[in-house]
C-alpha atoms as a PDB file:
ATOM      1  CA  UNK A   1       0.000   0.000   0.000  1.00  0.00           C
ATOM      2  CA  UNK A   2       1.306   3.433  -0.911  1.00  0.00           C
ATOM      3  CA  UNK A   3       1.875   6.062   1.716  1.00  0.00           C
ATOM      4  CA  UNK A   4       0.436   9.547   1.391  1.00  0.00           C
ATOM      5  CA  UNK A   5       3.916  10.788   0.442  1.00  0.00           C
ATOM      6  CA  UNK A   6       4.229   8.130  -2.275  1.00  0.00           C
ATOM      7  CA  UNK A   7       0.815   8.992  -3.727  1.00  0.00           C
ATOM      8  CA  UNK A   8       1.606  12.705  -3.672  1.00  0.00           C
ATOM      9  CA  UNK A   9       4.954  12.191  -5.405  1.00  0.00           C
ATOM     10  CA  UNK A  10       3.381   9.891  -7.984  1.00  0.00           C
ATOM     11  CA  UNK A  11       0.614  12.365  -8.823  1.00  0.00           C
ATOM     12  CA  UNK A  12       3.015  15.331  -8.919  1.00  0.00           C
ATOM     13  CA  UNK A  13       5.332  13.516 -11.347  1.00  0.00           C
ATOM     14  CA  UNK A  14       2.369  12.444 -13.454  1.00  0.00           C
ATOM     15  CA  UNK A  15       1.038  16.002 -13.727  1.00  0.00           C
ATOM     16  CA  UNK A  16       4.449  17.393 -14.647  1.00  0.00           C
ATOM     17  CA  UNK A  17       5.036  14.712 -17.293  1.00  0.00           C
ATOM     18  CA  UNK A  18       1.574  15.242 -18.788  1.00  0.00           C
ATOM     19  CA  UNK A  19       2.146  18.996 -19.070  1.00  0.00           C
ATOM     20  CA  UNK A  20       5.636  18.400 -20.508  1.00  0.00           C
ATOM     21  CA  UNK A  21       4.202  16.119 -23.192  1.00  0.00           C
ATOM     22  CA  UNK A  22       1.299  18.497 -23.922  1.00  0.00           C
ATOM     23  CA  UNK A  23       3.685  21.394 -24.540  1.00  0.00           C
ATOM     24  CA  UNK A  24       5.975  19.230 -26.690  1.00  0.00           C
ATOM     25  CA  UNK A  25       3.028  18.095 -28.805  1.00  0.00           C
ATOM     26  CA  UNK A  26       1.834  21.677 -29.211  1.00  0.00           C
ATOM     27  CA  UNK A  27       5.275  22.764 -30.360  1.00  0.00           C
ATOM     28  CA  UNK A  28       5.523  19.829 -32.755  1.00  0.00           C
ATOM     29  CA  UNK A  29       2.191  20.806 -34.302  1.00  0.00           C
ATOM     30  CA  UNK A  30       3.405  24.360 -34.897  1.00  0.00           C
ATOM     31  CA  UNK A  31       1.288  26.077 -32.256  1.00  0.00           C
ATOM     32  CA  UNK A  32       3.844  28.817 -31.601  1.00  0.00           C
ATOM     33  CA  UNK A  33       2.870  31.886 -33.572  1.00  0.00           C
ATOM     34  CA  UNK A  34       6.321  33.444 -33.431  1.00  0.00           C
ATOM     35  CA  UNK A  35       9.805  32.928 -32.056  1.00  0.00           C
ATOM     36  CA  UNK A  36       8.907  34.596 -28.756  1.00  0.00           C
ATOM     37  CA  UNK A  37       6.104  32.106 -28.091  1.00  0.00           C
ATOM     38  CA  UNK A  38       8.374  29.248 -29.147  1.00  0.00           C
ATOM     39  CA  UNK A  39      11.051  30.364 -26.671  1.00  0.00           C
ATOM     40  CA  UNK A  40       8.480  30.685 -23.906  1.00  0.00           C
ATOM     41  CA  UNK A  41       7.208  27.141 -24.476  1.00  0.00           C
ATOM     42  CA  UNK A  42      10.730  25.728 -24.615  1.00  0.00           C
ATOM     43  CA  UNK A  43      11.452  27.538 -21.359  1.00  0.00           C
ATOM     44  CA  UNK A  44       8.391  25.941 -19.779  1.00  0.00           C
ATOM     45  CA  UNK A  45       9.613  22.502 -20.891  1.00  0.00           C
ATOM     46  CA  UNK A  46      13.020  23.208 -19.351  1.00  0.00           C
ATOM     47  CA  UNK A  47      11.383  24.404 -16.139  1.00  0.00           C
ATOM     48  CA  UNK A  48       9.262  21.268 -15.874  1.00  0.00           C
ATOM     49  CA  UNK A  49      12.314  19.066 -16.427  1.00  0.00           C
ATOM     50  CA  UNK A  50      14.168  20.961 -13.693  1.00  0.00           C
ATOM     51  CA  UNK A  51      11.179  20.593 -11.361  1.00  0.00           C
ATOM     52  CA  UNK A  52      11.322  16.805 -11.784  1.00  0.00           C
ATOM     53  CA  UNK A  53      15.078  16.785 -11.155  1.00  0.00           C
ATOM     54  CA  UNK A  54      14.667  18.873  -8.004  1.00  0.00           C
ATOM     55  CA  UNK A  55      11.884  16.613  -6.762  1.00  0.00           C
ATOM     56  CA  UNK A  56      14.097  13.563  -7.246  1.00  0.00           C
ATOM     57  CA  UNK A  57      16.928  15.304  -5.379  1.00  0.00           C
ATOM     58  CA  UNK A  58      14.592  16.269  -2.536  1.00  0.00           C
ATOM     59  CA  UNK A  59      13.350  12.688  -2.278  1.00  0.00           C
ATOM     60  CA  UNK A  60      16.917  11.357  -2.099  1.00  0.00           C
ATOM     61  CA  UNK A  61      17.745  13.892   0.600  1.00  0.00           C
ATOM     62  CA  UNK A  62      14.600  13.131   2.605  1.00  0.00           C
ATOM     63  CA  UNK A  63      15.359   9.418   2.385  1.00  0.00           C
ATOM     64  CA  UNK A  64      18.880  10.082   3.699  1.00  0.00           C
ATOM     65  CA  UNK A  65      20.595   8.979   0.484  1.00  0.00           C
ATOM     66  CA  UNK A  66      22.256  12.296  -0.338  1.00  0.00           C
ATOM     67  CA  UNK A  67      23.442  15.411   1.405  1.00  0.00           C
ATOM     68  CA  UNK A  68      21.665  18.715   0.863  1.00  0.00           C
ATOM     69  CA  UNK A  69      22.752  21.169  -1.800  1.00  0.00           C
END
C-alpha cells in the first residue's frame, strides 16, 4: 500500500510529465505563432524538467541517500 507521500509524489510527477508532453506536442504541431512564443514554451519545458530533477533530489535527501545542496 502506498503512503500519502508516495501517492503525492506519484501524482506530482504524473502532472508534470503530462504537461511536458502536452507542450511538446503543441510545439511539434506548430502552435507557436512566433519565435517569442516558441522560446516561452521551450522555457516551460526546461522548467518542468528541472522541477522533476529537483523533486528527485529532494526525495533522495529526505530518504537520507544524499546530502543537501
